[in-house]
């Protein structure tokens, strides 16, 4: 029986007209480098779901595993405000998932999402499926549509 978080991600995908195949890696995929090595893809194909607070709002930044987020660029994309990482409890409250397992969609609250355009250069990218051990592949265009995200430059140059 799949983990309850994985079932939630699969259900969220179905609600968005997607069929995703979940892959499990018992050794974990906590970092982009670990995930890429386990899956056998480039680090850039890993979708990092980063959760930040901008003022009182919690937002999601979907960033290529090869890139570092530029917090100033995220702040600009979100319309300004004080930006900062949020703690594990706030991540779980906003998304319904633990840090390291946050998927790009299917969150427990409605969150604005911003997407690194570098993810769009690949035929498929890999995202967390609700736990540190579960991932799924998705076409970048489907990622944008399913997450309702805005594609905007987010990386440090």
Protein backbone atom coordinates (compact mmCIF):
# COMPACT_ATOMS: atom_id res chain seq x y z
CA UNK A 1 0.00 0.00 0.00
CA UNK A 2 1.51 3.36 -0.99
CA UNK A 3 2.32 5.97 1.63
CA UNK A 4 -0.67 8.31 2.29
CA UNK A 5 1.33 11.31 1.01
CA UNK A 6 2.07 9.48 -2.25
CA UNK A 7 -1.62 8.65 -2.66
CA UNK A 8 -2.44 12.36 -2.22
CA UNK A 9 0.07 13.33 -4.93
CA UNK A 10 -1.28 10.70 -7.34
CA UNK A 11 -4.85 11.91 -6.65
CA UNK A 12 -3.82 15.53 -7.23
CA UNK A 13 -2.22 14.51 -10.54
CA UNK A 14 -5.38 12.67 -11.64
CA UNK A 15 -7.46 15.77 -10.75
CA UNK A 16 -5.20 17.68 -13.15
CA UNK A 17 -5.59 15.12 -15.94
CA UNK A 18 -2.17 13.58 -15.40
CA UNK A 19 -1.09 9.99 -15.01
CA UNK A 20 2.16 9.79 -13.08
CA UNK A 21 4.31 6.81 -12.25
CA UNK A 22 5.81 6.90 -8.78
CA UNK A 23 9.31 5.56 -8.24
CA UNK A 24 10.57 4.69 -4.79
CA UNK A 25 14.17 4.98 -3.64
CA UNK A 26 14.57 3.48 -0.15
CA UNK A 27 17.96 5.18 0.28
CA UNK A 28 16.21 8.53 -0.14
CA UNK A 29 16.36 11.46 -2.51
CA UNK A 30 16.75 14.29 0.01
CA UNK A 31 19.12 16.40 -2.11
CA UNK A 32 19.05 17.17 -5.81
CA UNK A 33 22.38 15.38 -6.25
CA UNK A 34 21.12 12.25 -4.44
CA UNK A 35 17.93 12.25 -6.49
CA UNK A 36 19.76 12.68 -9.80
CA UNK A 37 22.23 9.91 -8.97
CA UNK A 38 19.45 7.52 -7.87
CA UNK A 39 17.26 8.22 -10.91
CA UNK A 40 20.13 8.42 -13.40
CA UNK A 41 19.45 11.91 -14.75
CA UNK A 42 21.18 15.31 -14.76
CA UNK A 43 20.96 17.35 -11.55
CA UNK A 44 19.24 20.07 -13.61
CA UNK A 45 16.29 17.73 -14.17
CA UNK A 46 15.48 17.59 -10.47
CA UNK A 47 12.71 19.93 -9.34
CA UNK A 48 13.50 21.47 -5.96
CA UNK A 49 10.27 22.59 -4.28
CA UNK A 50 11.43 25.45 -2.06
CA UNK A 51 8.98 27.02 0.34
CA UNK A 52 9.44 30.66 1.35
CA UNK A 53 7.56 33.28 3.25
CA UNK A 54 7.13 36.64 1.56
CA UNK A 55 5.55 38.90 4.11
CA UNK A 56 2.67 36.85 5.55
CA UNK A 57 2.28 34.74 2.39
CA UNK A 58 3.84 31.32 1.82
CA UNK A 59 4.95 30.66 -1.78
CA UNK A 60 6.55 27.81 -3.69
CA UNK A 61 9.62 28.18 -5.90
CA UNK A 62 10.20 25.24 -8.25
CA UNK A 63 13.91 25.46 -9.03
CA UNK A 64 16.22 23.32 -11.16
CA UNK A 65 18.48 21.15 -9.03
CA UNK A 66 21.48 22.72 -10.75
CA UNK A 67 20.55 26.23 -9.64
CA UNK A 68 20.54 28.27 -6.46
CA UNK A 69 17.48 30.39 -5.81
CA UNK A 70 18.00 34.14 -5.88
CA UNK A 71 15.73 35.33 -3.06
CA UNK A 72 15.68 38.86 -4.48
CA UNK A 73 14.38 37.52 -7.82
CA UNK A 74 11.67 35.56 -5.97
CA UNK A 75 10.71 38.68 -4.01
CA UNK A 76 10.45 40.67 -7.24
CA UNK A 77 8.34 37.95 -8.87
CA UNK A 78 6.00 37.90 -5.88
CA UNK A 79 5.58 41.67 -5.88
CA UNK A 80 7.91 42.59 -3.05
CA UNK A 81 7.99 42.11 0.69
CA UNK A 82 10.27 40.56 3.28
CA UNK A 83 11.46 37.12 2.06
CA UNK A 84 12.76 34.25 4.13
CA UNK A 85 12.75 30.50 4.53
CA UNK A 86 9.99 29.06 6.68
CA UNK A 87 10.41 26.37 9.31
CA UNK A 88 9.39 22.73 8.93
CA UNK A 89 6.09 23.22 10.75
CA UNK A 90 5.05 26.08 8.49
CA UNK A 91 6.05 24.06 5.41
CA UNK A 92 3.87 21.17 6.58
CA UNK A 93 0.98 23.51 7.50
CA UNK A 94 1.06 25.24 4.10
CA UNK A 95 1.69 22.21 1.90
CA UNK A 96 0.65 19.15 3.88
CA UNK A 97 4.05 17.59 3.19
CA UNK A 98 7.44 17.42 4.94
CA UNK A 99 10.51 19.34 3.79
CA UNK A 100 12.28 17.16 1.23
CA UNK A 101 9.05 15.57 0.05
CA UNK A 102 7.04 18.61 -1.10
CA UNK A 103 5.55 17.96 -4.55
CA UNK A 104 4.97 20.75 -7.09
CA UNK A 105 1.17 20.53 -6.71
CA UNK A 106 -1.49 18.99 -4.46
CA UNK A 107 -0.77 21.20 -1.46
CA UNK A 108 -3.22 21.49 1.42
CA UNK A 109 -3.54 25.26 0.85
CA UNK A 110 -3.54 27.37 -2.28
CA UNK A 111 0.00 28.66 -2.84
CA UNK A 112 1.38 30.92 -5.53
CA UNK A 113 4.06 29.05 -7.45
CA UNK A 114 7.05 30.39 -9.35
CA UNK A 115 8.99 28.20 -11.78
CA UNK A 116 12.64 28.36 -12.84
CA UNK A 117 12.71 28.55 -16.66
CA UNK A 118 15.81 26.32 -16.71
CA UNK A 119 13.48 23.37 -15.99
CA UNK A 120 11.84 23.92 -19.40
CA UNK A 121 14.93 22.86 -21.36
CA UNK A 122 14.42 19.17 -20.56
CA UNK A 123 12.00 16.62 -22.02
CA UNK A 124 11.17 15.48 -18.49
CA UNK A 125 11.96 16.59 -14.97
CA UNK A 126 11.64 14.73 -11.67
CA UNK A 127 9.79 15.98 -8.60
CA UNK A 128 9.14 14.78 -5.07
CA UNK A 129 5.98 12.75 -4.60
CA UNK A 130 5.20 13.49 -0.98
CA UNK A 131 8.10 11.81 0.84
CA UNK A 132 11.90 11.79 0.79
CA UNK A 133 11.82 8.41 -0.97
CA UNK A 134 9.25 8.90 -3.74
CA UNK A 135 9.58 10.82 -7.01
CA UNK A 136 7.84 11.08 -10.36
CA UNK A 137 8.69 12.27 -13.86
CA UNK A 138 6.72 15.00 -15.58
CA UNK A 139 7.07 17.01 -18.77
CA UNK A 140 7.96 20.62 -17.96
CA UNK A 141 4.89 21.97 -19.77
CA UNK A 142 2.68 19.69 -17.70
CA UNK A 143 4.52 20.83 -14.56
CA UNK A 144 3.71 24.46 -15.35
CA UNK A 145 0.06 23.65 -16.08
CA UNK A 146 -0.46 21.33 -13.10
CA UNK A 147 1.16 23.69 -10.60
CA UNK A 148 -0.47 26.83 -11.99
CA UNK A 149 2.98 28.36 -11.72
CA UNK A 150 4.46 31.45 -13.29
CA UNK A 151 7.71 30.92 -15.19
CA UNK A 152 10.19 33.58 -14.09
CA UNK A 153 13.97 33.82 -13.70
CA UNK A 154 14.76 32.67 -10.16
CA UNK A 155 18.43 31.69 -10.21
CA UNK A 156 21.57 33.52 -9.31
CA UNK A 157 23.58 34.54 -12.32
